Amino acid sequence: MSKSLTLVDAVACCSPLASEPLSAEAAAGVVPMLKALADPARLRLLSLVASHEGGEACVCDLNDAFDLSQPTISHHLKVLHSAGLLEREKRGVWVYYRVDAGALAELGALIGSAVR
């Protein structure tokens, strides 16, 4: 993927799928988001963060929902962050995650209007 096109830019620049074909560059920019969401644990993590009180959560808030180790959960959160779906903020020893609402809305708009 070109360094000049970020993942969010790739989604934001794209017309809905049914309007016109995606360019190769735009499709390559969207794929990391879709790959990140294709894992059941990551999809659940995104949902848990989004629905958590205040719209943000740290790993300590998410551990009990999974039969996974804390490092594995942290890895999945890192993948979601790298894909542009989560924002993060370090506070002391904890990292708090929140959904990047803009990226998720753009991805939803791209996919949601695929049917004419």
N, C-alpha and C. Protein backbone atom coordinates (compact mmCIF):
# COMPACT_ATOMS: atom_id res chain seq x y z
N MET A 1 0.85 -1.18 0.00
CA MET A 1 0.00 0.00 0.00
C MET A 1 0.88 1.23 0.00
N SER A 2 0.48 2.21 -0.71
CA SER A 2 1.21 3.46 -0.80
C SER A 2 1.24 4.17 0.54
N LYS A 3 2.38 4.74 0.88
CA LYS A 3 2.48 5.48 2.14
C LYS A 3 1.65 6.74 2.11
N SER A 4 1.31 7.24 0.93
CA SER A 4 0.54 8.47 0.84
C SER A 4 -0.94 8.27 1.15
N LEU A 5 -1.42 7.03 1.19
CA LEU A 5 -2.82 6.75 1.43
C LEU A 5 -2.95 5.95 2.73
N THR A 6 -3.49 6.59 3.78
CA THR A 6 -3.68 5.88 5.03
C THR A 6 -4.92 5.01 4.93
N LEU A 7 -5.11 4.13 5.91
CA LEU A 7 -6.27 3.25 5.90
C LEU A 7 -7.56 4.05 5.95
N VAL A 8 -7.62 5.05 6.82
CA VAL A 8 -8.83 5.86 6.92
C VAL A 8 -9.05 6.63 5.62
N ASP A 9 -7.98 7.16 5.02
CA ASP A 9 -8.11 7.85 3.74
C ASP A 9 -8.63 6.91 2.66
N ALA A 10 -8.18 5.66 2.68
CA ALA A 10 -8.62 4.70 1.68
C ALA A 10 -10.11 4.47 1.78
N VAL A 11 -10.63 4.39 2.99
CA VAL A 11 -12.06 4.19 3.17
C VAL A 11 -12.81 5.48 2.84
N ALA A 12 -12.31 6.61 3.33
CA ALA A 12 -13.01 7.88 3.16
C ALA A 12 -13.09 8.30 1.70
N CYS A 13 -12.11 7.94 0.91
CA CYS A 13 -12.09 8.40 -0.48
C CYS A 13 -12.96 7.55 -1.38
N CYS A 14 -13.39 6.41 -0.86
CA CYS A 14 -14.09 5.45 -1.72
C CYS A 14 -15.58 5.72 -1.81
N SER A 15 -16.08 5.60 -3.00
CA SER A 15 -17.52 5.63 -3.20
C SER A 15 -18.07 4.31 -2.70
N PRO A 16 -19.35 4.27 -2.37
CA PRO A 16 -19.95 2.98 -2.02
C PRO A 16 -19.68 1.96 -3.11
N LEU A 17 -19.54 0.72 -2.72
CA LEU A 17 -19.15 -0.34 -3.64
C LEU A 17 -20.04 -0.44 -4.88
N ALA A 18 -21.31 -0.15 -4.73
CA ALA A 18 -22.23 -0.27 -5.87
C ALA A 18 -22.16 0.93 -6.81
N SER A 19 -21.54 2.02 -6.38
CA SER A 19 -21.48 3.22 -7.23
C SER A 19 -20.45 3.09 -8.33
N GLU A 20 -19.28 2.62 -7.95
CA GLU A 20 -18.20 2.43 -8.92
C GLU A 20 -17.18 1.48 -8.34
N PRO A 21 -16.43 0.80 -9.19
CA PRO A 21 -15.43 -0.15 -8.68
C PRO A 21 -14.35 0.56 -7.87
N LEU A 22 -13.88 -0.11 -6.83
CA LEU A 22 -12.76 0.42 -6.05
C LEU A 22 -11.49 0.37 -6.88
N SER A 23 -10.64 1.35 -6.68
CA SER A 23 -9.32 1.28 -7.31
C SER A 23 -8.50 0.24 -6.56
N ALA A 24 -7.44 -0.23 -7.18
CA ALA A 24 -6.56 -1.20 -6.54
C ALA A 24 -5.97 -0.61 -5.26
N GLU A 25 -5.61 0.67 -5.29
CA GLU A 25 -5.02 1.33 -4.12
C GLU A 25 -6.04 1.44 -2.99
N ALA A 26 -7.26 1.81 -3.31
CA ALA A 26 -8.30 1.94 -2.28
C ALA A 26 -8.64 0.58 -1.68
N ALA A 27 -8.74 -0.44 -2.52
CA ALA A 27 -9.03 -1.79 -2.02
C ALA A 27 -7.92 -2.27 -1.09
N ALA A 28 -6.68 -2.00 -1.46
CA ALA A 28 -5.55 -2.40 -0.61
C ALA A 28 -5.59 -1.67 0.73
N GLY A 29 -6.11 -0.46 0.73
CA GLY A 29 -6.20 0.29 1.98
C GLY A 29 -7.30 -0.20 2.91
N VAL A 30 -8.35 -0.77 2.36
CA VAL A 30 -9.48 -1.25 3.15
C VAL A 30 -9.23 -2.65 3.70
N VAL A 31 -8.45 -3.45 2.99
CA VAL A 31 -8.24 -4.84 3.35
C VAL A 31 -7.73 -5.03 4.79
N PRO A 32 -6.77 -4.24 5.29
CA PRO A 32 -6.32 -4.46 6.67
C PRO A 32 -7.45 -4.33 7.70
N MET A 33 -8.38 -3.41 7.48
CA MET A 33 -9.53 -3.28 8.39
C MET A 33 -10.39 -4.54 8.35
N LEU A 34 -10.67 -5.00 7.14
CA LEU A 34 -11.51 -6.18 7.00
C LEU A 34 -10.83 -7.41 7.56
N LYS A 35 -9.53 -7.55 7.35
CA LYS A 35 -8.78 -8.69 7.92
C LYS A 35 -8.81 -8.64 9.44
N ALA A 36 -8.66 -7.45 10.00
CA ALA A 36 -8.68 -7.31 11.46
C ALA A 36 -10.04 -7.73 12.00
N LEU A 37 -11.11 -7.38 11.32
CA LEU A 37 -12.45 -7.72 11.78
C LEU A 37 -12.83 -9.17 11.51
N ALA A 38 -12.08 -9.85 10.64
CA ALA A 38 -12.41 -11.22 10.27
C ALA A 38 -12.10 -12.24 11.37
N ASP A 39 -11.38 -11.84 12.39
CA ASP A 39 -11.06 -12.73 13.50
C ASP A 39 -12.15 -12.61 14.57
N PRO A 40 -12.74 -13.71 15.01
CA PRO A 40 -13.82 -13.64 16.00
C PRO A 40 -13.44 -12.93 17.30
N ALA A 41 -12.24 -13.17 17.79
CA ALA A 41 -11.81 -12.52 19.04
C ALA A 41 -11.70 -11.01 18.84
N ARG A 42 -11.16 -10.58 17.70
CA ARG A 42 -11.02 -9.14 17.45
C ARG A 42 -12.37 -8.48 17.23
N LEU A 43 -13.27 -9.15 16.55
CA LEU A 43 -14.61 -8.59 16.35
C LEU A 43 -15.31 -8.42 17.70
N ARG A 44 -15.18 -9.42 18.58
CA ARG A 44 -15.77 -9.31 19.92
C ARG A 44 -15.10 -8.20 20.72
N LEU A 45 -13.77 -8.09 20.62
CA LEU A 45 -13.07 -7.03 21.33
C LEU A 45 -13.57 -5.66 20.90
N LEU A 46 -13.70 -5.46 19.60
CA LEU A 46 -14.19 -4.19 19.09
C LEU A 46 -15.58 -3.89 19.65
N SER A 47 -16.43 -4.91 19.68
CA SER A 47 -17.78 -4.76 20.21
C SER A 47 -17.75 -4.46 21.71
N LEU A 48 -16.89 -5.14 22.45
CA LEU A 48 -16.79 -4.90 23.89
C LEU A 48 -16.29 -3.50 24.20
N VAL A 49 -15.31 -3.05 23.46
CA VAL A 49 -14.79 -1.69 23.67
C VAL A 49 -15.88 -0.67 23.35
N ALA A 50 -16.55 -0.85 22.22
CA ALA A 50 -17.57 0.10 21.79
C ALA A 50 -18.74 0.17 22.78
N SER A 51 -19.09 -0.95 23.36
CA SER A 51 -20.25 -0.99 24.25
C SER A 51 -19.89 -0.80 25.71
N HIS A 52 -18.60 -0.70 26.01
CA HIS A 52 -18.17 -0.52 27.40
C HIS A 52 -18.60 0.86 27.91
N GLU A 53 -18.87 0.94 29.19
CA GLU A 53 -19.28 2.21 29.80
C GLU A 53 -18.27 3.30 29.47
N GLY A 54 -18.76 4.41 28.96
CA GLY A 54 -17.89 5.52 28.58
C GLY A 54 -17.26 5.35 27.21
N GLY A 55 -17.51 4.22 26.55
CA GLY A 55 -17.00 4.01 25.20
C GLY A 55 -15.52 3.70 25.11
N GLU A 56 -14.91 3.37 26.26
CA GLU A 56 -13.49 3.00 26.23
C GLU A 56 -13.24 1.94 27.28
N ALA A 57 -12.18 1.17 27.07
CA ALA A 57 -11.84 0.08 27.98
C ALA A 57 -10.34 -0.17 27.92
N CYS A 58 -9.82 -0.72 29.01
CA CYS A 58 -8.42 -1.15 29.02
C CYS A 58 -8.41 -2.68 29.03
N VAL A 59 -7.25 -3.25 28.85
CA VAL A 59 -7.14 -4.70 28.81
C VAL A 59 -7.70 -5.32 30.09
N CYS A 60 -7.48 -4.65 31.21
CA CYS A 60 -7.98 -5.18 32.49
C CYS A 60 -9.50 -5.29 32.50
N ASP A 61 -10.18 -4.48 31.71
CA ASP A 61 -11.64 -4.54 31.61
C ASP A 61 -12.12 -5.67 30.70
N LEU A 62 -11.23 -6.18 29.87
CA LEU A 62 -11.62 -7.13 28.83
C LEU A 62 -11.20 -8.56 29.10
N ASN A 63 -10.25 -8.77 30.00
CA ASN A 63 -9.69 -10.10 30.24
C ASN A 63 -10.74 -11.15 30.56
N ASP A 64 -11.69 -10.83 31.42
CA ASP A 64 -12.65 -11.83 31.90
C ASP A 64 -13.62 -12.30 30.83
N ALA A 65 -13.75 -11.57 29.76
CA ALA A 65 -14.68 -11.93 28.69
C ALA A 65 -14.12 -13.01 27.77
N PHE A 66 -12.84 -13.34 27.93
CA PHE A 66 -12.17 -14.27 27.01
C PHE A 66 -11.43 -15.36 27.77
N ASP A 67 -11.28 -16.47 27.13
CA ASP A 67 -10.42 -17.53 27.64
C ASP A 67 -9.06 -17.41 26.93
N LEU A 68 -8.53 -16.20 26.97
CA LEU A 68 -7.25 -15.88 26.34
C LEU A 68 -6.36 -15.20 27.36
N SER A 69 -5.06 -15.28 27.16
CA SER A 69 -4.14 -14.61 28.06
C SER A 69 -4.15 -13.10 27.79
N GLN A 70 -3.72 -12.34 28.78
CA GLN A 70 -3.65 -10.89 28.63
C GLN A 70 -2.75 -10.48 27.47
N PRO A 71 -1.58 -11.13 27.28
CA PRO A 71 -0.76 -10.76 26.12
C PRO A 71 -1.46 -11.02 24.78
N THR A 72 -2.26 -12.07 24.70
CA THR A 72 -2.98 -12.36 23.46
C THR A 72 -4.04 -11.30 23.20
N ILE A 73 -4.76 -10.91 24.25
CA ILE A 73 -5.75 -9.85 24.10
C ILE A 73 -5.07 -8.55 23.68
N SER A 74 -3.94 -8.24 24.29
CA SER A 74 -3.18 -7.03 23.92
C SER A 74 -2.76 -7.08 22.47
N HIS A 75 -2.34 -8.26 22.01
CA HIS A 75 -1.96 -8.41 20.60
C HIS A 75 -3.15 -8.10 19.68
N HIS A 76 -4.32 -8.66 20.00
CA HIS A 76 -5.50 -8.42 19.18
C HIS A 76 -5.88 -6.93 19.19
N LEU A 77 -5.76 -6.28 20.34
CA LEU A 77 -6.04 -4.84 20.41
C LEU A 77 -5.05 -4.05 19.56
N LYS A 78 -3.80 -4.49 19.55
CA LYS A 78 -2.78 -3.83 18.73
C LYS A 78 -3.11 -3.97 17.25
N VAL A 79 -3.59 -5.14 16.83
CA VAL A 79 -3.97 -5.35 15.43
C VAL A 79 -5.13 -4.42 15.06
N LEU A 80 -6.12 -4.33 15.94
CA LEU A 80 -7.25 -3.43 15.67
C LEU A 80 -6.80 -1.98 15.61
N HIS A 81 -5.86 -1.61 16.46
CA HIS A 81 -5.34 -0.24 16.44
C HIS A 81 -4.55 0.00 15.15
N SER A 82 -3.70 -0.93 14.80
CA SER A 82 -2.89 -0.78 13.58
C SER A 82 -3.76 -0.70 12.33
N ALA A 83 -4.91 -1.35 12.36
CA ALA A 83 -5.83 -1.32 11.22
C ALA A 83 -6.65 -0.04 11.18
N GLY A 84 -6.53 0.80 12.22
CA GLY A 84 -7.24 2.07 12.24
C GLY A 84 -8.62 2.01 12.84
N LEU A 85 -8.96 0.90 13.49
CA LEU A 85 -10.30 0.73 14.05
C LEU A 85 -10.40 1.16 15.51
N LEU A 86 -9.27 1.16 16.21
CA LEU A 86 -9.25 1.59 17.61
C LEU A 86 -8.25 2.71 17.80
N GLU A 87 -8.58 3.62 18.67
CA GLU A 87 -7.64 4.65 19.13
C GLU A 87 -7.18 4.20 20.51
N ARG A 88 -6.01 4.66 20.93
CA ARG A 88 -5.53 4.27 22.26
C ARG A 88 -4.85 5.45 22.94
N GLU A 89 -4.89 5.39 24.27
CA GLU A 89 -4.28 6.43 25.08
C GLU A 89 -3.68 5.78 26.32
N LYS A 90 -2.41 6.03 26.56
CA LYS A 90 -1.75 5.46 27.74
C LYS A 90 -1.99 6.38 28.93
N ARG A 91 -2.43 5.77 30.04
CA ARG A 91 -2.64 6.48 31.30
C ARG A 91 -1.96 5.66 32.39
N GLY A 92 -0.84 6.15 32.86
CA GLY A 92 -0.08 5.39 33.84
C GLY A 92 0.43 4.12 33.21
N VAL A 93 0.12 2.98 33.85
CA VAL A 93 0.58 1.70 33.31
C VAL A 93 -0.45 1.07 32.38
N TRP A 94 -1.64 1.65 32.29
CA TRP A 94 -2.71 1.08 31.48
C TRP A 94 -2.87 1.83 30.15
N VAL A 95 -3.29 1.08 29.15
CA VAL A 95 -3.63 1.67 27.85
C VAL A 95 -5.13 1.52 27.67
N TYR A 96 -5.79 2.63 27.39
CA TYR A 96 -7.23 2.63 27.18
C TYR A 96 -7.53 2.72 25.69
N TYR A 97 -8.50 1.91 25.26
CA TYR A 97 -8.88 1.84 23.86
C TYR A 97 -10.30 2.36 23.67
N ARG A 98 -10.53 3.01 22.53
CA ARG A 98 -11.87 3.42 22.13
C ARG A 98 -11.97 3.23 20.61
N VAL A 99 -13.18 2.98 20.17
CA VAL A 99 -13.42 2.77 18.74
C VAL A 99 -13.21 4.08 18.00
N ASP A 100 -12.55 4.01 16.86
CA ASP A 100 -12.44 5.17 15.98
C ASP A 100 -13.75 5.23 15.20
N ALA A 101 -14.67 6.01 15.72
CA ALA A 101 -16.03 6.07 15.16
C ALA A 101 -16.03 6.49 13.69
N GLY A 102 -15.14 7.40 13.33
CA GLY A 102 -15.09 7.85 11.94
C GLY A 102 -14.69 6.74 10.99
N ALA A 103 -13.67 5.99 11.36
CA ALA A 103 -13.22 4.89 10.50
C ALA A 103 -14.29 3.83 10.37
N LEU A 104 -14.94 3.51 11.48
CA LEU A 104 -15.98 2.49 11.45
C LEU A 104 -17.19 2.96 10.64
N ALA A 105 -17.54 4.23 10.77
CA ALA A 105 -18.67 4.78 9.99
C ALA A 105 -18.36 4.75 8.50
N GLU A 106 -17.14 5.14 8.14
CA GLU A 106 -16.76 5.14 6.72
C GLU A 106 -16.75 3.73 6.16
N LEU A 107 -16.24 2.78 6.94
CA LEU A 107 -16.21 1.39 6.49
C LEU A 107 -17.64 0.88 6.34
N GLY A 108 -18.50 1.22 7.29
CA GLY A 108 -19.90 0.82 7.20
C GLY A 108 -20.59 1.42 5.98
N ALA A 109 -20.30 2.69 5.69
CA ALA A 109 -20.89 3.34 4.52
C ALA A 109 -20.41 2.69 3.23
N LEU A 110 -19.15 2.33 3.20
CA LEU A 110 -18.60 1.69 2.01
C LEU A 110 -19.29 0.36 1.74
N ILE A 111 -19.45 -0.43 2.78
CA ILE A 111 -20.01 -1.76 2.62
C ILE A 111 -21.54 -1.73 2.63
N GLY A 112 -22.11 -0.91 3.50
CA GLY A 112 -23.56 -0.91 3.71
C GLY A 112 -24.37 -0.51 2.51
N SER A 113 -23.81 0.26 1.63
CA SER A 113 -24.57 0.69 0.45
C SER A 113 -24.16 -0.08 -0.79
N ALA A 114 -23.68 -1.29 -0.60
CA ALA A 114 -23.22 -2.09 -1.73
C ALA A 114 -24.38 -2.63 -2.55
N VAL A 115 -25.56 -2.70 -1.97
CA VAL A 115 -26.71 -3.23 -2.69
C VAL A 115 -27.54 -2.08 -3.23
N ARG A 116 -27.87 -2.16 -4.48
CA ARG A 116 -28.70 -1.11 -5.10
C ARG A 116 -30.15 -1.42 -4.91
